[in-house]
C-alpha atoms as a PDB file:
ATOM      1  CA  UNK A   1      -3.844 142.396 -18.990  1.00  0.00           C
ATOM      2  CA  UNK A   2      -4.094 140.705 -22.388  1.00  0.00           C
ATOM      3  CA  UNK A   3      -2.367 137.395 -23.097  1.00  0.00           C
ATOM      4  CA  UNK A   4      -0.122 139.190 -25.596  1.00  0.00           C
ATOM      5  CA  UNK A   5       0.976 141.715 -22.969  1.00  0.00           C
ATOM      6  CA  UNK A   6       1.539 138.983 -20.400  1.00  0.00           C
ATOM      7  CA  UNK A   7       3.807 137.075 -22.794  1.00  0.00           C
ATOM      8  CA  UNK A   8       5.701 140.155 -23.972  1.00  0.00           C
ATOM      9  CA  UNK A   9       9.452 139.981 -23.567  1.00  0.00           C
ATOM     10  CA  UNK A  10      11.224 143.028 -22.104  1.00  0.00           C
ATOM     11  CA  UNK A  11      12.446 145.185 -24.974  1.00  0.00           C
ATOM     12  CA  UNK A  12      16.130 146.108 -24.859  1.00  0.00           C
ATOM     13  CA  UNK A  13      17.411 148.796 -27.203  1.00  0.00           C
ATOM     14  CA  UNK A  14      21.166 148.980 -27.788  1.00  0.00           C
ATOM     15  CA  UNK A  15      21.836 152.582 -28.763  1.00  0.00           C
ATOM     16  CA  UNK A  16      25.028 153.386 -30.703  1.00  0.00           C
ATOM     17  CA  UNK A  17      25.918 156.971 -31.709  1.00  0.00           C
ATOM     18  CA  UNK A  18      28.222 156.866 -34.743  1.00  0.00           C
ATOM     19  CA  UNK A  19      30.313 158.923 -37.118  1.00  0.00           C
ATOM     20  CA  UNK A  20      32.449 157.223 -39.781  1.00  0.00           C
ATOM     21  CA  UNK A  21      32.251 153.686 -38.399  1.00  0.00           C
ATOM     22  CA  UNK A  22      31.659 151.882 -41.717  1.00  0.00           C
ATOM     23  CA  UNK A  23      34.578 149.543 -40.984  1.00  0.00           C
ATOM     24  CA  UNK A  24      33.015 148.386 -37.712  1.00  0.00           C
ATOM     25  CA  UNK A  25      29.258 148.858 -37.672  1.00  0.00           C
ATOM     26  CA  UNK A  26      27.987 145.822 -39.595  1.00  0.00           C
ATOM     27  CA  UNK A  27      30.074 143.365 -37.577  1.00  0.00           C
ATOM     28  CA  UNK A  28      29.103 145.114 -34.342  1.00  0.00           C
ATOM     29  CA  UNK A  29      25.375 145.008 -35.098  1.00  0.00           C
ATOM     30  CA  UNK A  30      25.599 141.331 -36.055  1.00  0.00           C
ATOM     31  CA  UNK A  31      27.474 140.556 -32.819  1.00  0.00           C
ATOM     32  CA  UNK A  32      24.796 142.286 -30.743  1.00  0.00           C
ATOM     33  CA  UNK A  33      21.930 140.597 -32.560  1.00  0.00           C
ATOM     34  CA  UNK A  34      23.689 137.247 -32.097  1.00  0.00           C
ATOM     35  CA  UNK A  35      23.967 137.517 -28.308  1.00  0.00           C
ATOM     36  CA  UNK A  36      22.328 134.693 -26.325  1.00  0.00           C
ATOM     37  CA  UNK A  37      19.541 136.770 -24.761  1.00  0.00           C
ATOM     38  CA  UNK A  38      16.387 134.674 -25.278  1.00  0.00           C
ATOM     39  CA  UNK A  39      14.540 136.439 -22.453  1.00  0.00           C
ATOM     40  CA  UNK A  40      14.718 139.809 -24.233  1.00  0.00           C
ATOM     41  CA  UNK A  41      13.506 141.365 -27.455  1.00  0.00           C
ATOM     42  CA  UNK A  42      16.783 142.996 -28.529  1.00  0.00           C
ATOM     43  CA  UNK A  43      16.812 145.961 -30.911  1.00  0.00           C
ATOM     44  CA  UNK A  44      19.749 148.018 -32.185  1.00  0.00           C
ATOM     45  CA  UNK A  45      19.380 151.771 -32.752  1.00  0.00           C
ATOM     46  CA  UNK A  46      22.257 153.455 -34.592  1.00  0.00           C
ATOM     47  CA  UNK A  47      22.184 157.265 -34.385  1.00  0.00           C
ATOM     48  CA  UNK A  48      24.483 158.276 -37.223  1.00  0.00           C
ATOM     49  CA  UNK A  49      25.666 161.820 -37.948  1.00  0.00           C
ATOM     50  CA  UNK A  50      25.314 161.499 -41.745  1.00  0.00           C
ATOM     51  CA  UNK A  51      28.728 159.828 -41.933  1.00  0.00           C
ATOM     52  CA  UNK A  52      30.512 160.478 -45.249  1.00  0.00           C
ATOM     53  CA  UNK A  53      31.763 156.870 -45.216  1.00  0.00           C
ATOM     54  CA  UNK A  54      28.205 155.524 -45.418  1.00  0.00           C
ATOM     55  CA  UNK A  55      27.813 154.135 -41.888  1.00  0.00           C
ATOM     56  CA  UNK A  56      24.130 155.072 -41.812  1.00  0.00           C
ATOM     57  CA  UNK A  57      23.449 153.522 -45.219  1.00  0.00           C
ATOM     58  CA  UNK A  58      24.985 150.239 -44.067  1.00  0.00           C
ATOM     59  CA  UNK A  59      22.638 150.151 -41.076  1.00  0.00           C
ATOM     60  CA  UNK A  60      19.641 151.065 -43.239  1.00  0.00           C
ATOM     61  CA  UNK A  61      20.460 148.130 -45.521  1.00  0.00           C
ATOM     62  CA  UNK A  62      20.722 145.782 -42.535  1.00  0.00           C
ATOM     63  CA  UNK A  63      17.353 147.026 -41.327  1.00  0.00           C
ATOM     64  CA  UNK A  64      15.706 145.913 -44.555  1.00  0.00           C
ATOM     65  CA  UNK A  65      16.321 142.283 -43.636  1.00  0.00           C
ATOM     66  CA  UNK A  66      16.237 142.610 -39.827  1.00  0.00           C
ATOM     67  CA  UNK A  67      13.304 144.664 -38.450  1.00  0.00           C
ATOM     68  CA  UNK A  68      15.077 144.932 -35.084  1.00  0.00           C
ATOM     69  CA  UNK A  69      17.847 147.075 -36.604  1.00  0.00           C
ATOM     70  CA  UNK A  70      17.052 150.786 -36.852  1.00  0.00           C
ATOM     71  CA  UNK A  71      19.034 153.598 -38.501  1.00  0.00           C
ATOM     72  CA  UNK A  72      18.541 157.175 -37.321  1.00  0.00           C
ATOM     73  CA  UNK A  73      20.330 159.441 -39.812  1.00  0.00           C
ATOM     74  CA  UNK A  74      20.944 162.872 -38.305  1.00  0.00           C
ATOM     75  CA  UNK A  75      21.763 166.040 -40.234  1.00  0.00           C
ATOM     76  CA  UNK A  76      21.328 168.785 -37.617  1.00  0.00           C
ATOM     77  CA  UNK A  77      23.056 169.568 -34.311  1.00  0.00           C
ATOM     78  CA  UNK A  78      25.506 166.767 -34.897  1.00  0.00           C
ATOM     79  CA  UNK A  79      27.877 165.467 -32.228  1.00  0.00           C
ATOM     80  CA  UNK A  80      28.363 162.623 -29.740  1.00  0.00           C
ATOM     81  CA  UNK A  81      26.100 164.225 -27.150  1.00  0.00           C
ATOM     82  CA  UNK A  82      23.210 165.285 -29.334  1.00  0.00           C
ATOM     83  CA  UNK A  83      23.455 161.979 -31.192  1.00  0.00           C
ATOM     84  CA  UNK A  84      23.130 160.126 -27.921  1.00  0.00           C
ATOM     85  CA  UNK A  85      20.126 162.201 -26.881  1.00  0.00           C
ATOM     86  CA  UNK A  86      18.342 161.551 -30.181  1.00  0.00           C
ATOM     87  CA  UNK A  87      19.275 157.882 -29.954  1.00  0.00           C
ATOM     88  CA  UNK A  88      17.848 157.616 -26.449  1.00  0.00           C
ATOM     89  CA  UNK A  89      14.614 159.223 -27.615  1.00  0.00           C
ATOM     90  CA  UNK A  90      14.356 156.784 -30.500  1.00  0.00           C
ATOM     91  CA  UNK A  91      14.973 153.849 -28.152  1.00  0.00           C
ATOM     92  CA  UNK A  92      12.251 155.009 -25.763  1.00  0.00           C
ATOM     93  CA  UNK A  93       9.872 155.552 -28.696  1.00  0.00           C
ATOM     94  CA  UNK A  94      10.349 151.874 -29.593  1.00  0.00           C
ATOM     95  CA  UNK A  95       9.017 151.033 -26.137  1.00  0.00           C
ATOM     96  CA  UNK A  96      12.359 150.022 -24.631  1.00  0.00           C
ATOM     97  CA  UNK A  97      12.256 148.814 -21.036  1.00  0.00           C
ATOM     98  CA  UNK A  98      16.050 148.964 -20.802  1.00  0.00           C
ATOM     99  CA  UNK A  99      18.549 150.883 -22.916  1.00  0.00           C
ATOM    100  CA  UNK A 100      22.209 150.018 -23.484  1.00  0.00           C
ATOM    101  CA  UNK A 101      24.544 152.803 -24.622  1.00  0.00           C
ATOM    102  CA  UNK A 102      27.842 151.873 -26.286  1.00  0.00           C
ATOM    103  CA  UNK A 103      30.441 153.063 -28.811  1.00  0.00           C
ATOM    104  CA  UNK A 104      30.515 151.807 -32.372  1.00  0.00           C
ATOM    105  CA  UNK A 105      34.190 150.838 -32.654  1.00  0.00           C
ATOM    106  CA  UNK A 106      34.325 147.563 -30.645  1.00  0.00           C
ATOM    107  CA  UNK A 107      36.148 149.240 -27.740  1.00  0.00           C
ATOM    108  CA  UNK A 108      32.948 148.336 -25.898  1.00  0.00           C
ATOM    109  CA  UNK A 109      32.594 144.606 -26.492  1.00  0.00           C
ATOM    110  CA  UNK A 110      29.070 143.197 -26.961  1.00  0.00           C
ATOM    111  CA  UNK A 111      29.865 140.177 -24.779  1.00  0.00           C
ATOM    112  CA  UNK A 112      29.460 142.390 -21.693  1.00  0.00           C
ATOM    113  CA  UNK A 113      25.865 143.381 -22.499  1.00  0.00           C
ATOM    114  CA  UNK A 114      24.271 140.382 -20.708  1.00  0.00           C
ATOM    115  CA  UNK A 115      26.163 141.270 -17.521  1.00  0.00           C
ATOM    116  CA  UNK A 116      24.999 144.884 -17.688  1.00  0.00           C
ATOM    117  CA  UNK A 117      21.403 143.730 -18.106  1.00  0.00           C
ATOM    118  CA  UNK A 118      21.736 141.318 -15.183  1.00  0.00           C
ATOM    119  CA  UNK A 119      22.905 144.226 -13.020  1.00  0.00           C
ATOM    120  CA  UNK A 120      19.676 146.112 -13.761  1.00  0.00           C
ATOM    121  CA  UNK A 121      17.788 143.470 -11.779  1.00  0.00           C
ATOM    122  CA  UNK A 122      18.971 145.211  -8.601  1.00  0.00           C
ATOM    123  CA  UNK A 123      20.058 148.665  -9.779  1.00  0.00           C
ATOM    124  CA  UNK A 124      18.723 151.525 -11.886  1.00  0.00           C
ATOM    125  CA  UNK A 125      21.864 152.037 -13.944  1.00  0.00           C
ATOM    126  CA  UNK A 126      24.835 149.779 -14.683  1.00  0.00           C
ATOM    127  CA  UNK A 127      28.139 151.138 -15.899  1.00  0.00           C
ATOM    128  CA  UNK A 128      30.849 149.153 -17.679  1.00  0.00           C
ATOM    129  CA  UNK A 129      33.949 149.881 -15.639  1.00  0.00           C
ATOM    130  CA  UNK A 130      37.645 149.549 -16.410  1.00  0.00           C
ATOM    131  CA  UNK A 131      38.733 150.455 -12.889  1.00  0.00           C
ATOM    132  CA  UNK A 132      37.185 147.890 -10.579  1.00  0.00           C
ATOM    133  CA  UNK A 133      38.312 144.329  -9.891  1.00  0.00           C
ATOM    134  CA  UNK A 134      38.118 142.346 -13.117  1.00  0.00           C
ATOM    135  CA  UNK A 135      38.163 145.434 -15.331  1.00  0.00           C
ATOM    136  CA  UNK A 136      41.028 146.615 -17.504  1.00  0.00           C
ATOM    137  CA  UNK A 137      42.026 149.437 -19.833  1.00  0.00           C
ATOM    138  CA  UNK A 138      43.920 147.507 -22.498  1.00  0.00           C
ATOM    139  CA  UNK A 139      46.168 148.547 -25.390  1.00  0.00           C
ATOM    140  CA  UNK A 140      46.791 152.089 -24.195  1.00  0.00           C
ATOM    141  CA  UNK A 141      50.131 153.785 -23.736  1.00  0.00           C
ATOM    142  CA  UNK A 142      51.296 155.391 -20.479  1.00  0.00           C
ATOM    143  CA  UNK A 143      50.503 158.917 -21.765  1.00  0.00           C
ATOM    144  CA  UNK A 144      46.839 158.131 -22.432  1.00  0.00           C
ATOM    145  CA  UNK A 145      46.587 156.267 -19.133  1.00  0.00           C
ATOM    146  CA  UNK A 146      47.960 159.275 -17.233  1.00  0.00           C
ATOM    147  CA  UNK A 147      45.500 161.657 -18.905  1.00  0.00           C
ATOM    148  CA  UNK A 148      42.597 159.317 -18.151  1.00  0.00           C
ATOM    149  CA  UNK A 149      43.671 158.980 -14.515  1.00  0.00           C
ATOM    150  CA  UNK A 150      43.893 162.762 -14.039  1.00  0.00           C
ATOM    151  CA  UNK A 151      40.512 163.420 -15.664  1.00  0.00           C
ATOM    152  CA  UNK A 152      38.851 160.622 -13.705  1.00  0.00           C
ATOM    153  CA  UNK A 153      40.285 161.846 -10.403  1.00  0.00           C
ATOM    154  CA  UNK A 154      39.184 165.422 -11.125  1.00  0.00           C
ATOM    155  CA  UNK A 155      35.600 164.418 -11.951  1.00  0.00           C
ATOM    156  CA  UNK A 156      35.231 162.088  -8.968  1.00  0.00           C
ATOM    157  CA  UNK A 157      36.315 164.838  -6.587  1.00  0.00           C
ATOM    158  CA  UNK A 158      34.237 167.491  -8.352  1.00  0.00           C
ATOM    159  CA  UNK A 159      31.007 165.472  -8.186  1.00  0.00           C
ATOM    160  CA  UNK A 160      31.834 163.550  -4.985  1.00  0.00           C
ATOM    161  CA  UNK A 161      30.677 160.248  -6.466  1.00  0.00           C
ATOM    162  CA  UNK A 162      31.981 156.767  -5.552  1.00  0.00           C
ATOM    163  CA  UNK A 163      31.962 155.682  -9.212  1.00  0.00           C
ATOM    164  CA  UNK A 164      35.476 154.826 -10.352  1.00  0.00           C
ATOM    165  CA  UNK A 165      34.993 154.910 -14.136  1.00  0.00           C
ATOM    166  CA  UNK A 166      33.040 158.168 -14.385  1.00  0.00           C
ATOM    167  CA  UNK A 167      33.798 158.695 -18.085  1.00  0.00           C
ATOM    168  CA  UNK A 168      32.669 155.278 -19.287  1.00  0.00           C
ATOM    169  CA  UNK A 169      30.172 155.461 -22.141  1.00  0.00           C
ATOM    170  CA  UNK A 170      29.211 151.772 -21.913  1.00  0.00           C
ATOM    171  CA  UNK A 171      26.054 151.850 -19.805  1.00  0.00           C
ATOM    172  CA  UNK A 172      22.677 150.258 -19.193  1.00  0.00           C
ATOM    173  CA  UNK A 173      19.673 152.246 -18.018  1.00  0.00           C
ATOM    174  CA  UNK A 174      16.214 151.381 -16.861  1.00  0.00           C
ATOM    175  CA  UNK A 175      13.616 153.288 -18.837  1.00  0.00           C
ATOM    176  CA  UNK A 176      12.518 155.352 -15.841  1.00  0.00           C
ATOM    177  CA  UNK A 177      16.054 156.694 -15.394  1.00  0.00           C
ATOM    178  CA  UNK A 178      16.197 158.232 -18.863  1.00  0.00           C
ATOM    179  CA  UNK A 179      12.676 159.602 -18.423  1.00  0.00           C
ATOM    180  CA  UNK A 180      13.614 161.220 -15.104  1.00  0.00           C
ATOM    181  CA  UNK A 181      16.863 162.646 -16.505  1.00  0.00           C
ATOM    182  CA  UNK A 182      14.712 164.700 -18.939  1.00  0.00           C
ATOM    183  CA  UNK A 183      16.540 164.318 -22.226  1.00  0.00           C
ATOM    184  CA  UNK A 184      15.178 167.632 -23.517  1.00  0.00           C
ATOM    185  CA  UNK A 185      16.912 169.424 -20.631  1.00  0.00           C
ATOM    186  CA  UNK A 186      20.400 168.132 -21.475  1.00  0.00           C
ATOM    187  CA  UNK A 187      22.779 170.639 -23.050  1.00  0.00           C
ATOM    188  CA  UNK A 188      25.749 168.486 -24.130  1.00  0.00           C
ATOM    189  CA  UNK A 189      26.590 168.283 -27.805  1.00  0.00           C
ATOM    190  CA  UNK A 190      29.883 166.392 -27.463  1.00  0.00           C
ATOM    191  CA  UNK A 191      31.616 163.810 -25.275  1.00  0.00           C
ATOM    192  CA  UNK A 192      30.549 165.509 -22.043  1.00  0.00           C
ATOM    193  CA  UNK A 193      27.122 163.892 -22.347  1.00  0.00           C
ATOM    194  CA  UNK A 194      28.295 160.951 -20.206  1.00  0.00           C
ATOM    195  CA  UNK A 195      29.239 163.301 -17.356  1.00  0.00           C
ATOM    196  CA  UNK A 196      26.048 165.329 -17.634  1.00  0.00           C
ATOM    197  CA  UNK A 197      23.852 162.257 -17.359  1.00  0.00           C
ATOM    198  CA  UNK A 198      25.930 160.818 -14.505  1.00  0.00           C
ATOM    199  CA  UNK A 199      25.608 164.087 -12.595  1.00  0.00           C
ATOM    200  CA  UNK A 200      21.819 164.121 -12.953  1.00  0.00           C
ATOM    201  CA  UNK A 201      21.418 160.418 -12.192  1.00  0.00           C
ATOM    202  CA  UNK A 202      23.421 160.866  -8.976  1.00  0.00           C
ATOM    203  CA  UNK A 203      21.373 163.878  -7.852  1.00  0.00           C
ATOM    204  CA  UNK A 204      18.100 162.124  -8.719  1.00  0.00           C
ATOM    205  CA  UNK A 205      19.073 159.386  -6.276  1.00  0.00           C
ATOM    206  CA  UNK A 206      19.099 156.417  -8.644  1.00  0.00           C
ATOM    207  CA  UNK A 207      21.299 153.457  -7.744  1.00  0.00           C
ATOM    208  CA  UNK A 208      24.362 152.945  -9.939  1.00  0.00           C
ATOM    209  CA  UNK A 209      26.568 149.861 -10.038  1.00  0.00           C
ATOM    210  CA  UNK A 210      29.825 149.248 -11.883  1.00  0.00           C
ATOM    211  CA  UNK A 211      30.311 146.027 -13.860  1.00  0.00           C
ATOM    212  CA  UNK A 212      33.867 145.039 -14.857  1.00  0.00           C
ATOM    213  CA  UNK A 213      34.766 145.223 -18.546  1.00  0.00           C
ATOM    214  CA  UNK A 214      37.971 145.125 -20.571  1.00  0.00           C
ATOM    215  CA  UNK A 215      38.178 148.235 -22.728  1.00  0.00           C
ATOM    216  CA  UNK A 216      40.126 147.607 -25.952  1.00  0.00           C
ATOM    217  CA  UNK A 217      41.275 150.480 -28.139  1.00  0.00           C
ATOM    218  CA  UNK A 218      39.841 150.486 -31.642  1.00  0.00           C
ATOM    219  CA  UNK A 219      41.729 148.642 -34.358  1.00  0.00           C
ATOM    220  CA  UNK A 220      39.818 150.158 -37.297  1.00  0.00           C
ATOM    221  CA  UNK A 221      38.920 153.788 -37.991  1.00  0.00           C
ATOM    222  CA  UNK A 222      40.051 156.900 -36.174  1.00  0.00           C
ATOM    223  CA  UNK A 223      39.340 158.058 -32.646  1.00  0.00           C
ATOM    224  CA  UNK A 224      37.151 161.149 -32.177  1.00  0.00           C
ATOM    225  CA  UNK A 225      38.745 162.087 -28.853  1.00  0.00           C
ATOM    226  CA  UNK A 226      41.414 164.792 -29.151  1.00  0.00           C
ATOM    227  CA  UNK A 227      42.827 167.492 -26.864  1.00  0.00           C
ATOM    228  CA  UNK A 228      40.144 170.041 -27.727  1.00  0.00           C
ATOM    229  CA  UNK A 229      37.380 167.517 -27.049  1.00  0.00           C
ATOM    230  CA  UNK A 230      39.005 166.673 -23.722  1.00  0.00           C
ATOM    231  CA  UNK A 231      39.281 170.343 -22.736  1.00  0.00           C
ATOM    232  CA  UNK A 232      35.661 170.966 -23.700  1.00  0.00           C
ATOM    233  CA  UNK A 233      34.588 167.997 -21.575  1.00  0.00           C
ATOM    234  CA  UNK A 234      36.385 169.337 -18.501  1.00  0.00           C
ATOM    235  CA  UNK A 235      34.891 172.814 -18.936  1.00  0.00           C
ATOM    236  CA  UNK A 236      31.426 171.325 -19.359  1.00  0.00           C
ATOM    237  CA  UNK A 237      31.930 169.257 -16.204  1.00  0.00           C
ATOM    238  CA  UNK A 238      32.392 172.496 -14.259  1.00  0.00           C
ATOM    239  CA  UNK A 239      29.274 173.910 -15.890  1.00  0.00           C
ATOM    240  CA  UNK A 240      27.224 170.870 -14.873  1.00  0.00           C
ATOM    241  CA  UNK A 241      28.383 171.273 -11.281  1.00  0.00           C
ATOM    242  CA  UNK A 242      26.784 174.729 -11.187  1.00  0.00           C
ATOM    243  CA  UNK A 243      23.761 173.935 -13.353  1.00  0.00           C
ATOM    244  CA  UNK A 244      22.662 170.771 -11.560  1.00  0.00           C
ATOM    245  CA  UNK A 245      22.404 171.001  -7.782  1.00  0.00           C
ATOM    246  CA  UNK A 246      20.187 169.329  -5.156  1.00  0.00           C
ATOM    247  CA  UNK A 247      17.869 172.333  -5.507  1.00  0.00           C
ATOM    248  CA  UNK A 248      17.543 172.219  -9.304  1.00  0.00           C
ATOM    249  CA  UNK A 249      17.502 168.409  -9.505  1.00  0.00           C
ATOM    250  CA  UNK A 250      15.740 167.082  -6.382  1.00  0.00           C
ATOM    251  CA  UNK A 251      15.940 163.338  -5.779  1.00  0.00           C
ATOM    252  CA  UNK A 252      13.145 161.078  -6.955  1.00  0.00           C
ATOM    253  CA  UNK A 253      14.537 158.011  -5.178  1.00  0.00           C
END
């Protein structure tokens, strides 16, 4: 091993799929890059779906002065799921040892990233959870809370997993998890990507731990989650149940 390799810091890539987040993205990237993580080489990868509001251009401009900020501007097969897949691939191509996945609207707060990384010391995947001790789903009305509870209960029973916040998109992965998941095999285009990956990670036998977070609804921009997206997610969850089984996805752990 060379001296350079021996002194290399673990590379962490924070991957953010975006669409029309110009009001949030610059502040979010700065907050991530300002985290006290001296033991890591922290990069930010923004996978933007050619946002009309110029989100991708903002990140490109930031990357001109900060080489650890990367803009991936996508024009084909756009959507939360495909954006996440392309973002994961870009993160792995950078040589990431660990990958953080989060939303671009500050509902996932950067201050929880160090805790997610700490959890990877003993687990393969860490999930920011609203529904364990210390976690909270803030600023949401009773109607949204009821919908979330019903969806969460349905998915937990469908997949028979002990994870309480199955739909959380604030996650940390070891590199080998994303490699084993086989990103090219994933079929999600939209929000269901988080359920598809969770299903495969569970069947592959990787260890998953929940880390408490406070989820805060966005204050700028518009949410991308509507009734049709929710219905599509539930239908895709049923599809994943049939597509991924212990026979088609044998455990590696």
